[in-house]
């Protein structure tokens, strides 16, 4: 019974925490995630994107990327709320969206345990294939992505879906279809914004 309750909290903590409290806890988690990720080489450059980079980037750039991604997602959820929800609070949307980023904290910590190959120093794919060390690093990175990043991404998608559904109070059918559209559109918009601004 305890295991079921723990699992429920891990995928849908929004039955217990929402609004300003979720916003504050989520904001702390986001800041810690960005700082650790910047130090470990893990960067979040889109609504769903997680990248490991061997080249350090300024901390402010990581904050801007995360800010643009969150702002895009929140704006799209607000638009969905205007279209489909009878009533919603923006503070609940922001709070649950912030708190839903919790799985990314583990992705930023995971960056300490493996190194990304320095792809920027390789002029062509043929250089990568001819360098056994770089090729080995790429294979290891791909395997670790499947083992570590993919489950975290799935967890994030589930927890963000629950945040979306709870904060807007909409039916499951509308929630599923509109959420898929929001994530897809949000990923495109946030990626384009990041490319244009940075």
C-alpha atoms as a PDB file:
ATOM      1  CA  UNK A   1       0.000   0.000   0.000  1.00  0.00           C
ATOM      2  CA  UNK A   2       2.830   2.381   0.877  1.00  0.00           C
ATOM      3  CA  UNK A   3       4.552   1.612  -2.433  1.00  0.00           C
ATOM      4  CA  UNK A   4       1.354   2.484  -4.332  1.00  0.00           C
ATOM      5  CA  UNK A   5       1.052   5.778  -2.457  1.00  0.00           C
ATOM      6  CA  UNK A   6       4.703   6.624  -3.138  1.00  0.00           C
ATOM      7  CA  UNK A   7       4.310   5.846  -6.838  1.00  0.00           C
ATOM      8  CA  UNK A   8       1.201   8.003  -6.983  1.00  0.00           C
ATOM      9  CA  UNK A   9       3.027  10.939  -5.384  1.00  0.00           C
ATOM     10  CA  UNK A  10       5.988  10.513  -7.756  1.00  0.00           C
ATOM     11  CA  UNK A  11       3.793  10.739 -10.860  1.00  0.00           C
ATOM     12  CA  UNK A  12       1.107  13.072  -9.522  1.00  0.00           C
ATOM     13  CA  UNK A  13       2.170  15.137  -6.497  1.00  0.00           C
ATOM     14  CA  UNK A  14      -0.365  17.798  -7.495  1.00  0.00           C
ATOM     15  CA  UNK A  15      -3.142  16.224  -5.446  1.00  0.00           C
ATOM     16  CA  UNK A  16      -1.137  17.306  -2.387  1.00  0.00           C
ATOM     17  CA  UNK A  17       0.735  20.369  -3.558  1.00  0.00           C
ATOM     18  CA  UNK A  18      -0.239  23.089  -6.022  1.00  0.00           C
ATOM     19  CA  UNK A  19      -0.395  26.850  -6.406  1.00  0.00           C
ATOM     20  CA  UNK A  20       2.190  29.028  -4.662  1.00  0.00           C
ATOM     21  CA  UNK A  21       3.716  26.152  -2.673  1.00  0.00           C
ATOM     22  CA  UNK A  22       4.308  24.103  -5.846  1.00  0.00           C
ATOM     23  CA  UNK A  23       5.722  27.203  -7.531  1.00  0.00           C
ATOM     24  CA  UNK A  24       8.226  27.867  -4.729  1.00  0.00           C
ATOM     25  CA  UNK A  25       9.347  24.232  -4.425  1.00  0.00           C
ATOM     26  CA  UNK A  26       9.497  23.896  -8.219  1.00  0.00           C
ATOM     27  CA  UNK A  27      11.493  27.109  -8.579  1.00  0.00           C
ATOM     28  CA  UNK A  28      14.090  25.903  -6.071  1.00  0.00           C
ATOM     29  CA  UNK A  29      14.345  22.562  -7.914  1.00  0.00           C
ATOM     30  CA  UNK A  30      14.724  24.338 -11.285  1.00  0.00           C
ATOM     31  CA  UNK A  31      17.499  26.628 -10.006  1.00  0.00           C
ATOM     32  CA  UNK A  32      19.377  23.683  -8.434  1.00  0.00           C
ATOM     33  CA  UNK A  33      18.900  21.648 -11.632  1.00  0.00           C
ATOM     34  CA  UNK A  34      20.310  24.444 -13.808  1.00  0.00           C
ATOM     35  CA  UNK A  35      23.328  25.040 -11.554  1.00  0.00           C
ATOM     36  CA  UNK A  36      24.175  21.326 -11.275  1.00  0.00           C
ATOM     37  CA  UNK A  37      23.535  20.786 -14.982  1.00  0.00           C
ATOM     38  CA  UNK A  38      25.760  23.700 -15.962  1.00  0.00           C
ATOM     39  CA  UNK A  39      28.528  22.218 -13.832  1.00  0.00           C
ATOM     40  CA  UNK A  40      28.024  18.618 -15.049  1.00  0.00           C
ATOM     41  CA  UNK A  41      27.577  19.568 -18.723  1.00  0.00           C
ATOM     42  CA  UNK A  42      23.852  18.790 -18.947  1.00  0.00           C
ATOM     43  CA  UNK A  43      21.731  21.470 -20.619  1.00  0.00           C
ATOM     44  CA  UNK A  44      17.963  21.774 -21.089  1.00  0.00           C
ATOM     45  CA  UNK A  45      17.440  23.576 -24.375  1.00  0.00           C
ATOM     46  CA  UNK A  46      13.768  23.012 -25.124  1.00  0.00           C
ATOM     47  CA  UNK A  47      10.537  21.824 -23.557  1.00  0.00           C
ATOM     48  CA  UNK A  48      11.788  18.216 -23.785  1.00  0.00           C
ATOM     49  CA  UNK A  49      15.448  18.540 -24.784  1.00  0.00           C
ATOM     50  CA  UNK A  50      18.253  17.271 -22.573  1.00  0.00           C
ATOM     51  CA  UNK A  51      21.776  17.509 -23.990  1.00  0.00           C
ATOM     52  CA  UNK A  52      25.200  16.609 -22.657  1.00  0.00           C
ATOM     53  CA  UNK A  53      27.875  18.988 -23.902  1.00  0.00           C
ATOM     54  CA  UNK A  54      31.616  18.724 -23.391  1.00  0.00           C
ATOM     55  CA  UNK A  55      31.983  22.474 -23.989  1.00  0.00           C
ATOM     56  CA  UNK A  56      31.096  24.680 -20.984  1.00  0.00           C
ATOM     57  CA  UNK A  57      28.538  27.411 -21.544  1.00  0.00           C
ATOM     58  CA  UNK A  58      27.755  30.472 -19.386  1.00  0.00           C
ATOM     59  CA  UNK A  59      25.359  29.795 -16.505  1.00  0.00           C
ATOM     60  CA  UNK A  60      23.121  32.667 -17.626  1.00  0.00           C
ATOM     61  CA  UNK A  61      22.632  30.875 -20.953  1.00  0.00           C
ATOM     62  CA  UNK A  62      21.278  27.807 -19.146  1.00  0.00           C
ATOM     63  CA  UNK A  63      18.874  30.033 -17.188  1.00  0.00           C
ATOM     64  CA  UNK A  64      17.697  31.708 -20.403  1.00  0.00           C
ATOM     65  CA  UNK A  65      17.143  28.355 -22.145  1.00  0.00           C
ATOM     66  CA  UNK A  66      15.165  26.986 -19.212  1.00  0.00           C
ATOM     67  CA  UNK A  67      13.218  30.248 -18.887  1.00  0.00           C
ATOM     68  CA  UNK A  68      12.246  30.284 -22.566  1.00  0.00           C
ATOM     69  CA  UNK A  69      11.191  26.629 -22.423  1.00  0.00           C
ATOM     70  CA  UNK A  70       9.046  27.135 -19.329  1.00  0.00           C
ATOM     71  CA  UNK A  71       7.516  30.386 -20.597  1.00  0.00           C
ATOM     72  CA  UNK A  72       6.574  28.703 -23.883  1.00  0.00           C
ATOM     73  CA  UNK A  73       4.990  25.733 -22.131  1.00  0.00           C
ATOM     74  CA  UNK A  74       3.100  27.873 -19.608  1.00  0.00           C
ATOM     75  CA  UNK A  75       1.766  30.184 -22.337  1.00  0.00           C
ATOM     76  CA  UNK A  76       0.491  27.224 -24.363  1.00  0.00           C
ATOM     77  CA  UNK A  77      -1.177  25.712 -21.283  1.00  0.00           C
ATOM     78  CA  UNK A  78      -2.865  29.047 -20.515  1.00  0.00           C
ATOM     79  CA  UNK A  79      -4.162  29.181 -24.113  1.00  0.00           C
ATOM     80  CA  UNK A  80      -5.454  25.598 -23.719  1.00  0.00           C
ATOM     81  CA  UNK A  81      -7.116  26.643 -20.460  1.00  0.00           C
ATOM     82  CA  UNK A  82      -8.882  29.535 -22.182  1.00  0.00           C
ATOM     83  CA  UNK A  83     -10.148  27.167 -24.884  1.00  0.00           C
ATOM     84  CA  UNK A  84     -11.120  24.057 -22.874  1.00  0.00           C
ATOM     85  CA  UNK A  85     -11.242  24.819 -19.150  1.00  0.00           C
ATOM     86  CA  UNK A  86     -14.242  26.247 -17.328  1.00  0.00           C
ATOM     87  CA  UNK A  87     -11.965  27.856 -14.764  1.00  0.00           C
ATOM     88  CA  UNK A  88      -8.277  27.758 -13.875  1.00  0.00           C
ATOM     89  CA  UNK A  89      -5.720  29.718 -11.904  1.00  0.00           C
ATOM     90  CA  UNK A  90      -2.511  30.855 -13.574  1.00  0.00           C
ATOM     91  CA  UNK A  91      -0.659  30.316 -10.277  1.00  0.00           C
ATOM     92  CA  UNK A  92      -1.650  26.617 -10.430  1.00  0.00           C
ATOM     93  CA  UNK A  93      -0.416  26.312 -14.021  1.00  0.00           C
ATOM     94  CA  UNK A  94       2.936  27.932 -13.185  1.00  0.00           C
ATOM     95  CA  UNK A  95       3.340  26.023  -9.923  1.00  0.00           C
ATOM     96  CA  UNK A  96       2.566  22.580 -11.313  1.00  0.00           C
ATOM     97  CA  UNK A  97       4.641  23.206 -14.457  1.00  0.00           C
ATOM     98  CA  UNK A  98       7.637  24.236 -12.336  1.00  0.00           C
ATOM     99  CA  UNK A  99       7.304  21.264  -9.994  1.00  0.00           C
ATOM    100  CA  UNK A 100       6.932  18.862 -12.939  1.00  0.00           C
ATOM    101  CA  UNK A 101      10.561  19.608 -13.918  1.00  0.00           C
ATOM    102  CA  UNK A 102      11.682  17.572 -10.900  1.00  0.00           C
ATOM    103  CA  UNK A 103      12.880  14.524 -12.956  1.00  0.00           C
ATOM    104  CA  UNK A 104      15.353  16.770 -14.788  1.00  0.00           C
ATOM    105  CA  UNK A 105      17.269  17.200 -11.528  1.00  0.00           C
ATOM    106  CA  UNK A 106      18.353  13.554 -11.823  1.00  0.00           C
ATOM    107  CA  UNK A 107      19.415  14.117 -15.435  1.00  0.00           C
ATOM    108  CA  UNK A 108      21.665  17.000 -14.371  1.00  0.00           C
ATOM    109  CA  UNK A 109      23.254  14.837 -11.648  1.00  0.00           C
ATOM    110  CA  UNK A 110      23.766  11.989 -14.143  1.00  0.00           C
ATOM    111  CA  UNK A 111      26.048  14.303 -16.169  1.00  0.00           C
ATOM    112  CA  UNK A 112      28.775  13.812 -13.550  1.00  0.00           C
ATOM    113  CA  UNK A 113      29.016  10.112 -14.333  1.00  0.00           C
ATOM    114  CA  UNK A 114      29.868  10.256 -18.025  1.00  0.00           C
ATOM    115  CA  UNK A 115      31.545  12.605 -20.475  1.00  0.00           C
ATOM    116  CA  UNK A 116      30.265  13.783 -23.818  1.00  0.00           C
ATOM    117  CA  UNK A 117      32.643  13.475 -26.761  1.00  0.00           C
ATOM    118  CA  UNK A 118      33.932  16.785 -28.054  1.00  0.00           C
ATOM    119  CA  UNK A 119      31.965  16.705 -31.312  1.00  0.00           C
ATOM    120  CA  UNK A 120      32.715  20.383 -31.924  1.00  0.00           C
ATOM    121  CA  UNK A 121      36.372  19.545 -32.539  1.00  0.00           C
ATOM    122  CA  UNK A 122      35.542  16.992 -35.224  1.00  0.00           C
ATOM    123  CA  UNK A 123      35.173  18.534 -38.676  1.00  0.00           C
ATOM    124  CA  UNK A 124      33.248  15.653 -40.281  1.00  0.00           C
ATOM    125  CA  UNK A 125      31.453  12.441 -39.451  1.00  0.00           C
ATOM    126  CA  UNK A 126      34.376  10.587 -41.005  1.00  0.00           C
ATOM    127  CA  UNK A 127      36.629  12.102 -38.322  1.00  0.00           C
ATOM    128  CA  UNK A 128      34.318  10.665 -35.670  1.00  0.00           C
ATOM    129  CA  UNK A 129      34.340   7.229 -37.286  1.00  0.00           C
ATOM    130  CA  UNK A 130      38.130   7.232 -37.627  1.00  0.00           C
ATOM    131  CA  UNK A 131      38.709   8.229 -33.991  1.00  0.00           C
ATOM    132  CA  UNK A 132      38.184   5.075 -31.869  1.00  0.00           C
ATOM    133  CA  UNK A 133      37.966   7.039 -28.604  1.00  0.00           C
ATOM    134  CA  UNK A 134      35.346   9.469 -29.915  1.00  0.00           C
ATOM    135  CA  UNK A 135      33.352   6.626 -31.468  1.00  0.00           C
ATOM    136  CA  UNK A 136      33.480   4.651 -28.224  1.00  0.00           C
ATOM    137  CA  UNK A 137      32.341   7.753 -26.298  1.00  0.00           C
ATOM    138  CA  UNK A 138      29.418   8.199 -28.700  1.00  0.00           C
ATOM    139  CA  UNK A 139      28.328   4.570 -28.273  1.00  0.00           C
ATOM    140  CA  UNK A 140      28.556   4.818 -24.471  1.00  0.00           C
ATOM    141  CA  UNK A 141      26.675   8.131 -24.519  1.00  0.00           C
ATOM    142  CA  UNK A 142      23.913   6.618 -26.671  1.00  0.00           C
ATOM    143  CA  UNK A 143      23.537   3.617 -24.368  1.00  0.00           C
ATOM    144  CA  UNK A 144      23.498   5.776 -21.254  1.00  0.00           C
ATOM    145  CA  UNK A 145      20.894   8.008 -22.867  1.00  0.00           C
ATOM    146  CA  UNK A 146      18.642   4.988 -23.304  1.00  0.00           C
ATOM    147  CA  UNK A 147      19.275   3.716 -19.789  1.00  0.00           C
ATOM    148  CA  UNK A 148      19.188   7.017 -17.870  1.00  0.00           C
ATOM    149  CA  UNK A 149      17.686   9.852 -19.922  1.00  0.00           C
ATOM    150  CA  UNK A 150      14.819   7.995 -21.602  1.00  0.00           C
ATOM    151  CA  UNK A 151      13.177   6.843 -18.328  1.00  0.00           C
ATOM    152  CA  UNK A 152      13.577  10.357 -16.895  1.00  0.00           C
ATOM    153  CA  UNK A 153      12.009  11.822 -20.029  1.00  0.00           C
ATOM    154  CA  UNK A 154       9.064   9.410 -19.780  1.00  0.00           C
ATOM    155  CA  UNK A 155       8.674  10.296 -16.083  1.00  0.00           C
ATOM    156  CA  UNK A 156       8.713  13.992 -16.950  1.00  0.00           C
ATOM    157  CA  UNK A 157       6.098  13.573 -19.699  1.00  0.00           C
ATOM    158  CA  UNK A 158       3.793  11.682 -17.281  1.00  0.00           C
ATOM    159  CA  UNK A 159       4.232  14.135 -14.416  1.00  0.00           C
ATOM    160  CA  UNK A 160       3.805  17.150 -16.732  1.00  0.00           C
ATOM    161  CA  UNK A 161       0.635  15.591 -18.178  1.00  0.00           C
ATOM    162  CA  UNK A 162      -0.777  15.225 -14.654  1.00  0.00           C
ATOM    163  CA  UNK A 163       0.215  18.828 -13.898  1.00  0.00           C
ATOM    164  CA  UNK A 164      -1.597  19.936 -17.045  1.00  0.00           C
ATOM    165  CA  UNK A 165      -4.751  17.904 -16.385  1.00  0.00           C
ATOM    166  CA  UNK A 166      -5.013  18.860 -12.700  1.00  0.00           C
ATOM    167  CA  UNK A 167      -4.315  22.568 -13.168  1.00  0.00           C
ATOM    168  CA  UNK A 168      -6.948  22.927 -15.902  1.00  0.00           C
ATOM    169  CA  UNK A 169      -9.483  20.422 -14.575  1.00  0.00           C
ATOM    170  CA  UNK A 170     -10.335  19.087 -18.025  1.00  0.00           C
ATOM    171  CA  UNK A 171     -11.561  15.659 -19.156  1.00  0.00           C
ATOM    172  CA  UNK A 172      -9.056  12.902 -19.888  1.00  0.00           C
ATOM    173  CA  UNK A 173      -9.895  12.742 -23.603  1.00  0.00           C
ATOM    174  CA  UNK A 174      -9.355  16.467 -24.164  1.00  0.00           C
ATOM    175  CA  UNK A 175      -6.316  16.435 -21.872  1.00  0.00           C
ATOM    176  CA  UNK A 176      -4.495  13.659 -23.749  1.00  0.00           C
ATOM    177  CA  UNK A 177      -4.993  15.067 -27.251  1.00  0.00           C
ATOM    178  CA  UNK A 178      -4.335  18.693 -26.339  1.00  0.00           C
ATOM    179  CA  UNK A 179      -1.311  17.771 -24.198  1.00  0.00           C
ATOM    180  CA  UNK A 180       0.330  15.931 -27.103  1.00  0.00           C
ATOM    181  CA  UNK A 181      -0.227  19.000 -29.291  1.00  0.00           C
ATOM    182  CA  UNK A 182       1.119  21.361 -26.606  1.00  0.00           C
ATOM    183  CA  UNK A 183       4.302  19.328 -26.059  1.00  0.00           C
ATOM    184  CA  UNK A 184       4.911  19.035 -29.808  1.00  0.00           C
ATOM    185  CA  UNK A 185       4.255  22.728 -30.541  1.00  0.00           C
ATOM    186  CA  UNK A 186       6.076  23.813 -27.377  1.00  0.00           C
ATOM    187  CA  UNK A 187       9.196  21.871 -28.337  1.00  0.00           C
ATOM    188  CA  UNK A 188       9.284  23.511 -31.775  1.00  0.00           C
ATOM    189  CA  UNK A 189       8.639  27.051 -30.479  1.00  0.00           C
ATOM    190  CA  UNK A 190      11.079  26.831 -27.564  1.00  0.00           C
ATOM    191  CA  UNK A 191      13.836  25.390 -29.770  1.00  0.00           C
ATOM    192  CA  UNK A 192      13.352  28.123 -32.380  1.00  0.00           C
ATOM    193  CA  UNK A 193      13.293  30.859 -29.708  1.00  0.00           C
ATOM    194  CA  UNK A 194      16.486  29.534 -28.124  1.00  0.00           C
ATOM    195  CA  UNK A 195      18.204  29.390 -31.528  1.00  0.00           C
ATOM    196  CA  UNK A 196      17.127  32.961 -32.366  1.00  0.00           C
ATOM    197  CA  UNK A 197      17.986  34.494 -28.995  1.00  0.00           C
ATOM    198  CA  UNK A 198      21.167  32.544 -28.208  1.00  0.00           C
END
